[in-house]
mmCIF file of all heavy atoms, coordinates in Angstrom:
data_MODEL
# 
_entry.id   MODEL 
# 
loop_
_atom_site.group_PDB 
_atom_site.id 
_atom_site.type_symbol 
_atom_site.label_atom_id 
_atom_site.label_alt_id 
_atom_site.label_comp_id 
_atom_site.label_asym_id 
_atom_site.label_entity_id 
_atom_site.label_seq_id 
_atom_site.pdbx_PDB_ins_code 
_atom_site.Cartn_x 
_atom_site.Cartn_y 
_atom_site.Cartn_z 
_atom_site.occupancy 
_atom_site.B_iso_or_equiv 
_atom_site.pdbx_formal_charge 
_atom_site.auth_seq_id 
_atom_site.auth_comp_id 
_atom_site.auth_asym_id 
_atom_site.auth_atom_id 
_atom_site.pdbx_PDB_model_num 
ATOM 1   N N   . GLU A 1 1  ? 83.725 112.700 113.296 1.00 0.00 ? 1  GLU A N   1 
ATOM 2   C CA  . GLU A 1 1  ? 83.780 111.686 112.248 1.00 0.00 ? 1  GLU A CA  1 
ATOM 3   C C   . GLU A 1 1  ? 83.971 110.295 112.829 1.00 0.00 ? 1  GLU A C   1 
ATOM 4   O O   . GLU A 1 1  ? 84.529 110.130 113.917 1.00 0.00 ? 1  GLU A O   1 
ATOM 5   C CB  . GLU A 1 1  ? 84.932 111.966 111.268 1.00 0.00 ? 1  GLU A CB  1 
ATOM 6   C CG  . GLU A 1 1  ? 84.889 113.326 110.600 1.00 0.00 ? 1  GLU A CG  1 
ATOM 7   C CD  . GLU A 1 1  ? 85.883 114.286 111.209 1.00 0.00 ? 1  GLU A CD  1 
ATOM 8   O OE1 . GLU A 1 1  ? 86.131 114.190 112.437 1.00 0.00 ? 1  GLU A OE1 1 
ATOM 9   O OE2 . GLU A 1 1  ? 86.421 115.125 110.473 1.00 0.00 ? 1  GLU A OE2 1 
ATOM 10  N N   . SER A 1 2  ? 83.531 109.301 112.066 1.00 0.00 ? 2  SER A N   1 
ATOM 11  C CA  . SER A 1 2  ? 83.762 107.908 112.397 1.00 0.00 ? 2  SER A CA  1 
ATOM 12  C C   . SER A 1 2  ? 83.751 107.095 111.105 1.00 0.00 ? 2  SER A C   1 
ATOM 13  O O   . SER A 1 2  ? 83.326 107.587 110.061 1.00 0.00 ? 2  SER A O   1 
ATOM 14  C CB  . SER A 1 2  ? 82.714 107.377 113.370 1.00 0.00 ? 2  SER A CB  1 
ATOM 15  O OG  . SER A 1 2  ? 81.419 107.408 112.790 1.00 0.00 ? 2  SER A OG  1 
ATOM 16  N N   . GLY A 1 3  ? 84.218 105.857 111.181 1.00 0.00 ? 3  GLY A N   1 
ATOM 17  C CA  . GLY A 1 3  ? 84.173 104.959 110.041 1.00 0.00 ? 3  GLY A CA  1 
ATOM 18  C C   . GLY A 1 3  ? 85.480 104.774 109.306 1.00 0.00 ? 3  GLY A C   1 
ATOM 19  O O   . GLY A 1 3  ? 85.562 103.946 108.389 1.00 0.00 ? 3  GLY A O   1 
ATOM 20  N N   . GLY A 1 4  ? 86.509 105.518 109.680 1.00 0.00 ? 4  GLY A N   1 
ATOM 21  C CA  . GLY A 1 4  ? 87.799 105.355 109.038 1.00 0.00 ? 4  GLY A CA  1 
ATOM 22  C C   . GLY A 1 4  ? 88.442 104.041 109.430 1.00 0.00 ? 4  GLY A C   1 
ATOM 23  O O   . GLY A 1 4  ? 88.008 103.355 110.353 1.00 0.00 ? 4  GLY A O   1 
ATOM 24  N N   . GLY A 1 5  ? 89.493 103.687 108.719 1.00 0.00 ? 5  GLY A N   1 
ATOM 25  C CA  . GLY A 1 5  ? 90.195 102.452 108.988 1.00 0.00 ? 5  GLY A CA  1 
ATOM 26  C C   . GLY A 1 5  ? 90.980 102.001 107.780 1.00 0.00 ? 5  GLY A C   1 
ATOM 27  O O   . GLY A 1 5  ? 91.358 102.819 106.937 1.00 0.00 ? 5  GLY A O   1 
ATOM 28  N N   . SER A 1 6  ? 91.221 100.701 107.705 1.00 0.00 ? 6  SER A N   1 
ATOM 29  C CA  . SER A 1 6  ? 92.004 100.117 106.622 1.00 0.00 ? 6  SER A CA  1 
ATOM 30  C C   . SER A 1 6  ? 91.122 99.306  105.687 1.00 0.00 ? 6  SER A C   1 
ATOM 31  O O   . SER A 1 6  ? 90.148 98.687  106.114 1.00 0.00 ? 6  SER A O   1 
ATOM 32  C CB  . SER A 1 6  ? 93.108 99.222  107.185 1.00 0.00 ? 6  SER A CB  1 
ATOM 33  O OG  . SER A 1 6  ? 94.010 99.958  107.986 1.00 0.00 ? 6  SER A OG  1 
ATOM 34  N N   . ALA A 1 7  ? 91.484 99.316  104.412 1.00 0.00 ? 7  ALA A N   1 
ATOM 35  C CA  . ALA A 1 7  ? 90.780 98.540  103.404 1.00 0.00 ? 7  ALA A CA  1 
ATOM 36  C C   . ALA A 1 7  ? 91.753 98.116  102.322 1.00 0.00 ? 7  ALA A C   1 
ATOM 37  O O   . ALA A 1 7  ? 92.793 98.749  102.126 1.00 0.00 ? 7  ALA A O   1 
ATOM 38  C CB  . ALA A 1 7  ? 89.632 99.344  102.798 1.00 0.00 ? 7  ALA A CB  1 
ATOM 39  N N   . GLN A 1 8  ? 91.419 97.042  101.632 1.00 0.00 ? 8  GLN A N   1 
ATOM 40  C CA  . GLN A 1 8  ? 92.211 96.592  100.498 1.00 0.00 ? 8  GLN A CA  1 
ATOM 41  C C   . GLN A 1 8  ? 91.778 97.323  99.235  1.00 0.00 ? 8  GLN A C   1 
ATOM 42  O O   . GLN A 1 8  ? 90.648 97.822  99.158  1.00 0.00 ? 8  GLN A O   1 
ATOM 43  C CB  . GLN A 1 8  ? 92.051 95.086  100.291 1.00 0.00 ? 8  GLN A CB  1 
ATOM 44  C CG  . GLN A 1 8  ? 92.574 94.233  101.419 1.00 0.00 ? 8  GLN A CG  1 
ATOM 45  C CD  . GLN A 1 8  ? 92.513 92.766  101.088 1.00 0.00 ? 8  GLN A CD  1 
ATOM 46  O OE1 . GLN A 1 8  ? 93.538 92.148  100.766 1.00 0.00 ? 8  GLN A OE1 1 
ATOM 47  N NE2 . GLN A 1 8  ? 91.321 92.208  101.138 1.00 0.00 ? 8  GLN A NE2 1 
ATOM 48  N N   . PRO A 1 9  ? 92.658 97.421  98.249  1.00 0.00 ? 9  PRO A N   1 
ATOM 49  C CA  . PRO A 1 9  ? 92.231 97.998  96.969  1.00 0.00 ? 9  PRO A CA  1 
ATOM 50  C C   . PRO A 1 9  ? 90.985 97.293  96.445  1.00 0.00 ? 9  PRO A C   1 
ATOM 51  O O   . PRO A 1 9  ? 90.896 96.067  96.464  1.00 0.00 ? 9  PRO A O   1 
ATOM 52  C CB  . PRO A 1 9  ? 93.434 97.759  96.060  1.00 0.00 ? 9  PRO A CB  1 
ATOM 53  C CG  . PRO A 1 9  ? 94.597 97.738  96.998  1.00 0.00 ? 9  PRO A CG  1 
ATOM 54  C CD  . PRO A 1 9  ? 94.083 97.060  98.242  1.00 0.00 ? 9  PRO A CD  1 
ATOM 55  N N   . GLY A 1 10 ? 90.021 98.084  95.993  1.00 0.00 ? 10 GLY A N   1 
ATOM 56  C CA  . GLY A 1 10 ? 88.754 97.545  95.539  1.00 0.00 ? 10 GLY A CA  1 
ATOM 57  C C   . GLY A 1 10 ? 87.713 97.423  96.626  1.00 0.00 ? 10 GLY A C   1 
ATOM 58  O O   . GLY A 1 10 ? 86.540 97.155  96.323  1.00 0.00 ? 10 GLY A O   1 
ATOM 59  N N   . GLY A 1 11 ? 88.104 97.638  97.878  1.00 0.00 ? 11 GLY A N   1 
ATOM 60  C CA  . GLY A 1 11 ? 87.195 97.534  98.991  1.00 0.00 ? 11 GLY A CA  1 
ATOM 61  C C   . GLY A 1 11 ? 86.386 98.797  99.212  1.00 0.00 ? 11 GLY A C   1 
ATOM 62  O O   . GLY A 1 11 ? 86.459 99.752  98.434  1.00 0.00 ? 11 GLY A O   1 
ATOM 63  N N   . SER A 1 12 ? 85.617 98.809  100.316 1.00 0.00 ? 12 SER A N   1 
ATOM 64  C CA  . SER A 1 12 ? 84.722 99.919  100.618 1.00 0.00 ? 12 SER A CA  1 
ATOM 65  C C   . SER A 1 12 ? 84.823 100.332 102.073 1.00 0.00 ? 12 SER A C   1 
ATOM 66  O O   . SER A 1 12 ? 85.118 99.516  102.954 1.00 0.00 ? 12 SER A O   1 
ATOM 67  C CB  . SER A 1 12 ? 83.267 99.544  100.315 1.00 0.00 ? 12 SER A CB  1 
ATOM 68  O OG  . SER A 1 12 ? 83.071 99.251  98.946  1.00 0.00 ? 12 SER A OG  1 
ATOM 69  N N   . LEU A 1 13 ? 84.576 101.609 102.317 1.00 0.00 ? 13 LEU A N   1 
ATOM 70  C CA  . LEU A 1 13 ? 84.440 102.162 103.650 1.00 0.00 ? 13 LEU A CA  1 
ATOM 71  C C   . LEU A 1 13 ? 83.332 103.203 103.619 1.00 0.00 ? 13 LEU A C   1 
ATOM 72  O O   . LEU A 1 13 ? 83.085 103.820 102.577 1.00 0.00 ? 13 LEU A O   1 
ATOM 73  C CB  . LEU A 1 13 ? 85.732 102.818 104.142 1.00 0.00 ? 13 LEU A CB  1 
ATOM 74  C CG  . LEU A 1 13 ? 86.906 101.915 104.511 1.00 0.00 ? 13 LEU A CG  1 
ATOM 75  C CD1 . LEU A 1 13 ? 88.147 102.767 104.788 1.00 0.00 ? 13 LEU A CD1 1 
ATOM 76  C CD2 . LEU A 1 13 ? 86.577 101.072 105.727 1.00 0.00 ? 13 LEU A CD2 1 
ATOM 77  N N   . ARG A 1 14 ? 82.681 103.406 104.758 1.00 0.00 ? 14 ARG A N   1 
ATOM 78  C CA  . ARG A 1 14 ? 81.647 104.427 104.876 1.00 0.00 ? 14 ARG A CA  1 
ATOM 79  C C   . ARG A 1 14 ? 81.996 105.336 106.044 1.00 0.00 ? 14 ARG A C   1 
ATOM 80  O O   . ARG A 1 14 ? 82.066 104.886 107.191 1.00 0.00 ? 14 ARG A O   1 
ATOM 81  C CB  . ARG A 1 14 ? 80.274 103.798 105.088 1.00 0.00 ? 14 ARG A CB  1 
ATOM 82  C CG  . ARG A 1 14 ? 79.117 104.810 105.062 1.00 0.00 ? 14 ARG A CG  1 
ATOM 83  C CD  . ARG A 1 14 ? 77.766 104.115 105.204 1.00 0.00 ? 14 ARG A CD  1 
ATOM 84  N NE  . ARG A 1 14 ? 76.646 105.045 105.142 1.00 0.00 ? 14 ARG A NE  1 
ATOM 85  C CZ  . ARG A 1 14 ? 76.027 105.398 104.024 1.00 0.00 ? 14 ARG A CZ  1 
ATOM 86  N NH1 . ARG A 1 14 ? 76.414 104.886 102.860 1.00 0.00 ? 14 ARG A NH1 1 
ATOM 87  N NH2 . ARG A 1 14 ? 75.010 106.258 104.058 1.00 0.00 ? 14 ARG A NH2 1 
ATOM 88  N N   . LEU A 1 15 ? 82.212 106.611 105.752 1.00 0.00 ? 15 LEU A N   1 
ATOM 89  C CA  . LEU A 1 15 ? 82.511 107.604 106.767 1.00 0.00 ? 15 LEU A CA  1 
ATOM 90  C C   . LEU A 1 15 ? 81.230 108.323 107.175 1.00 0.00 ? 15 LEU A C   1 
ATOM 91  O O   . LEU A 1 15 ? 80.373 108.602 106.339 1.00 0.00 ? 15 LEU A O   1 
ATOM 92  C CB  . LEU A 1 15 ? 83.518 108.634 106.259 1.00 0.00 ? 15 LEU A CB  1 
ATOM 93  C CG  . LEU A 1 15 ? 84.832 108.109 105.684 1.00 0.00 ? 15 LEU A CG  1 
ATOM 94  C CD1 . LEU A 1 15 ? 85.728 109.279 105.288 1.00 0.00 ? 15 LEU A CD1 1 
ATOM 95  C CD2 . LEU A 1 15 ? 85.536 107.202 106.682 1.00 0.00 ? 15 LEU A CD2 1 
ATOM 96  N N   . SER A 1 16 ? 81.119 108.627 108.469 1.00 0.00 ? 16 SER A N   1 
ATOM 97  C CA  . SER A 1 16 ? 79.972 109.357 108.982 1.00 0.00 ? 16 SER A CA  1 
ATOM 98  C C   . SER A 1 16 ? 80.442 110.548 109.796 1.00 0.00 ? 16 SER A C   1 
ATOM 99  O O   . SER A 1 16 ? 81.473 110.488 110.461 1.00 0.00 ? 16 SER A O   1 
ATOM 100 C CB  . SER A 1 16 ? 79.084 108.455 109.845 1.00 0.00 ? 16 SER A CB  1 
ATOM 101 O OG  . SER A 1 16 ? 78.489 107.430 109.074 1.00 0.00 ? 16 SER A OG  1 
ATOM 102 N N   . CYS A 1 17 ? 79.670 111.612 109.748 1.00 0.00 ? 17 CYS A N   1 
ATOM 103 C CA  . CYS A 1 17 ? 79.956 112.832 110.503 1.00 0.00 ? 17 CYS A CA  1 
ATOM 104 C C   . CYS A 1 17 ? 78.680 113.260 111.202 1.00 0.00 ? 17 CYS A C   1 
ATOM 105 O O   . CYS A 1 17 ? 77.675 113.546 110.543 1.00 0.00 ? 17 CYS A O   1 
ATOM 106 C CB  . CYS A 1 17 ? 80.455 113.929 109.557 1.00 0.00 ? 17 CYS A CB  1 
ATOM 107 S SG  . CYS A 1 17 ? 80.650 115.557 110.319 1.00 0.00 ? 17 CYS A SG  1 
ATOM 108 N N   . VAL A 1 18 ? 78.729 113.298 112.532 1.00 0.00 ? 18 VAL A N   1 
ATOM 109 C CA  . VAL A 1 18 ? 77.580 113.705 113.329 1.00 0.00 ? 18 VAL A CA  1 
ATOM 110 C C   . VAL A 1 18 ? 77.731 115.171 113.712 1.00 0.00 ? 18 VAL A C   1 
ATOM 111 O O   . VAL A 1 18 ? 78.772 115.577 114.229 1.00 0.00 ? 18 VAL A O   1 
ATOM 112 C CB  . VAL A 1 18 ? 77.430 112.834 114.585 1.00 0.00 ? 18 VAL A CB  1 
ATOM 113 C CG1 . VAL A 1 18 ? 76.256 113.321 115.429 1.00 0.00 ? 18 VAL A CG1 1 
ATOM 114 C CG2 . VAL A 1 18 ? 77.229 111.377 114.199 1.00 0.00 ? 18 VAL A CG2 1 
ATOM 115 N N   . VAL A 1 19 ? 76.696 115.951 113.454 1.00 0.00 ? 19 VAL A N   1 
ATOM 116 C CA  . VAL A 1 19 ? 76.712 117.384 113.726 1.00 0.00 ? 19 VAL A CA  1 
ATOM 117 C C   . VAL A 1 19 ? 75.961 117.669 115.011 1.00 0.00 ? 19 VAL A C   1 
ATOM 118 O O   . VAL A 1 19 ? 74.809 117.264 115.171 1.00 0.00 ? 19 VAL A O   1 
ATOM 119 C CB  . VAL A 1 19 ? 76.070 118.173 112.573 1.00 0.00 ? 19 VAL A CB  1 
ATOM 120 C CG1 . VAL A 1 19 ? 76.161 119.671 112.835 1.00 0.00 ? 19 VAL A CG1 1 
ATOM 121 C CG2 . VAL A 1 19 ? 76.720 117.823 111.244 1.00 0.00 ? 19 VAL A CG2 1 
ATOM 122 N N   . SER A 1 20 ? 76.609 118.378 115.930 1.00 0.00 ? 20 SER A N   1 
ATOM 123 C CA  . SER A 1 20 ? 75.988 118.794 117.175 1.00 0.00 ? 20 SER A CA  1 
ATOM 124 C C   . SER A 1 20 ? 75.939 120.312 117.229 1.00 0.00 ? 20 SER A C   1 
ATOM 125 O O   . SER A 1 20 ? 76.793 120.993 116.670 1.00 0.00 ? 20 SER A O   1 
ATOM 126 C CB  . SER A 1 20 ? 76.756 118.254 118.383 1.00 0.00 ? 20 SER A CB  1 
ATOM 127 O OG  . SER A 1 20 ? 76.784 116.842 118.386 1.00 0.00 ? 20 SER A OG  1 
ATOM 128 N N   . GLY A 1 21 ? 74.945 120.842 117.938 1.00 0.00 ? 21 GLY A N   1 
ATOM 129 C CA  . GLY A 1 21 ? 74.798 122.275 118.053 1.00 0.00 ? 21 GLY A CA  1 
ATOM 130 C C   . GLY A 1 21 ? 73.875 122.829 116.986 1.00 0.00 ? 21 GLY A C   1 
ATOM 131 O O   . GLY A 1 21 ? 73.251 122.105 116.224 1.00 0.00 ? 21 GLY A O   1 
ATOM 132 N N   . SER A 1 22 ? 73.819 124.141 116.918 1.00 0.00 ? 22 SER A N   1 
ATOM 133 C CA  . SER A 1 22 ? 72.937 124.822 115.978 1.00 0.00 ? 22 SER A CA  1 
ATOM 134 C C   . SER A 1 22 ? 73.442 124.713 114.546 1.00 0.00 ? 22 SER A C   1 
ATOM 135 O O   . SER A 1 22 ? 74.617 124.951 114.270 1.00 0.00 ? 22 SER A O   1 
ATOM 136 C CB  . SER A 1 22 ? 72.796 126.293 116.364 1.00 0.00 ? 22 SER A CB  1 
ATOM 137 O OG  . SER A 1 22 ? 72.005 126.993 115.419 1.00 0.00 ? 22 SER A OG  1 
ATOM 138 N N   . ILE A 1 23 ? 72.539 124.363 113.627 1.00 0.00 ? 23 ILE A N   1 
ATOM 139 C CA  . ILE A 1 23 ? 72.894 124.260 112.215 1.00 0.00 ? 23 ILE A CA  1 
ATOM 140 C C   . ILE A 1 23 ? 72.313 125.409 111.403 1.00 0.00 ? 23 ILE A C   1 
ATOM 141 O O   . ILE A 1 23 ? 72.388 125.408 110.172 1.00 0.00 ? 23 ILE A O   1 
ATOM 142 C CB  . ILE A 1 23 ? 72.424 122.924 111.613 1.00 0.00 ? 23 ILE A CB  1 
ATOM 143 C CG1 . ILE A 1 23 ? 70.887 122.821 111.681 1.00 0.00 ? 23 ILE A CG1 1 
ATOM 144 C CG2 . ILE A 1 23 ? 73.073 121.754 112.325 1.00 0.00 ? 23 ILE A CG2 1 
ATOM 145 C CD1 . ILE A 1 23 ? 70.325 121.626 110.938 1.00 0.00 ? 23 ILE A CD1 1 
ATOM 146 N N   . SER A 1 24 ? 71.761 126.395 112.070 1.00 0.00 ? 24 SER A N   1 
ATOM 147 C CA  . SER A 1 24 ? 71.069 127.481 111.385 1.00 0.00 ? 24 SER A CA  1 
ATOM 148 C C   . SER A 1 24 ? 71.983 128.286 110.467 1.00 0.00 ? 24 SER A C   1 
ATOM 149 O O   . SER A 1 24 ? 71.517 128.871 109.487 1.00 0.00 ? 24 SER A O   1 
ATOM 150 C CB  . SER A 1 24 ? 70.395 128.404 112.396 1.00 0.00 ? 24 SER A CB  1 
ATOM 151 O OG  . SER A 1 24 ? 71.345 129.005 113.262 1.00 0.00 ? 24 SER A OG  1 
ATOM 152 N N   . ASN A 1 25 ? 73.273 128.335 110.769 1.00 0.00 ? 25 ASN A N   1 
ATOM 153 C CA  . ASN A 1 25 ? 74.212 129.116 109.975 1.00 0.00 ? 25 ASN A CA  1 
ATOM 154 C C   . ASN A 1 25 ? 75.056 128.277 109.025 1.00 0.00 ? 25 ASN A C   1 
ATOM 155 O O   . ASN A 1 25 ? 75.994 128.792 108.415 1.00 0.00 ? 25 ASN A O   1 
ATOM 156 C CB  . ASN A 1 25 ? 75.137 129.924 110.885 1.00 0.00 ? 25 ASN A CB  1 
ATOM 157 C CG  . ASN A 1 25 ? 74.381 130.959 111.698 1.00 0.00 ? 25 ASN A CG  1 
ATOM 158 O OD1 . ASN A 1 25 ? 74.487 130.999 112.926 1.00 0.00 ? 25 ASN A OD1 1 
ATOM 159 N ND2 . ASN A 1 25 ? 73.610 131.796 111.015 1.00 0.00 ? 25 ASN A ND2 1 
ATOM 160 N N   . ILE A 1 26 ? 74.742 126.978 108.905 1.00 0.00 ? 26 ILE A N   1 
ATOM 161 C CA  . ILE A 1 26 ? 75.464 126.093 107.992 1.00 0.00 ? 26 ILE A CA  1 
ATOM 162 C C   . ILE A 1 26 ? 74.741 126.061 106.653 1.00 0.00 ? 26 ILE A C   1 
ATOM 163 O O   . ILE A 1 26 ? 73.574 125.690 106.573 1.00 0.00 ? 26 ILE A O   1 
ATOM 164 C CB  . ILE A 1 26 ? 75.586 124.678 108.566 1.00 0.00 ? 26 ILE A CB  1 
ATOM 165 C CG1 . ILE A 1 26 ? 76.392 124.695 109.861 1.00 0.00 ? 26 ILE A CG1 1 
ATOM 166 C CG2 . ILE A 1 26 ? 76.236 123.743 107.542 1.00 0.00 ? 26 ILE A CG2 1 
ATOM 167 C CD1 . ILE A 1 26 ? 76.486 123.352 110.543 1.00 0.00 ? 26 ILE A CD1 1 
ATOM 168 N N   . ASN A 1 27 ? 75.441 126.444 105.595 1.00 0.00 ? 27 ASN A N   1 
ATOM 169 C CA  . ASN A 1 27 ? 74.858 126.486 104.261 1.00 0.00 ? 27 ASN A CA  1 
ATOM 170 C C   . ASN A 1 27 ? 75.352 125.375 103.345 1.00 0.00 ? 27 ASN A C   1 
ATOM 171 O O   . ASN A 1 27 ? 74.749 125.114 102.309 1.00 0.00 ? 27 ASN A O   1 
ATOM 172 C CB  . ASN A 1 27 ? 75.143 127.839 103.606 1.00 0.00 ? 27 ASN A CB  1 
ATOM 173 C CG  . ASN A 1 27 ? 74.663 129.002 104.435 1.00 0.00 ? 27 ASN A CG  1 
ATOM 174 O OD1 . ASN A 1 27 ? 75.456 129.851 104.860 1.00 0.00 ? 27 ASN A OD1 1 
ATOM 175 N ND2 . ASN A 1 27 ? 73.374 129.048 104.702 1.00 0.00 ? 27 ASN A ND2 1 
# 
């Protein structure tokens, strides 16, 4: 994961998750 941090009320953040390895068994 990445993108976490601090924000003020009413603000915005965008979190990202990068997947490595085989995804064949992820549903």
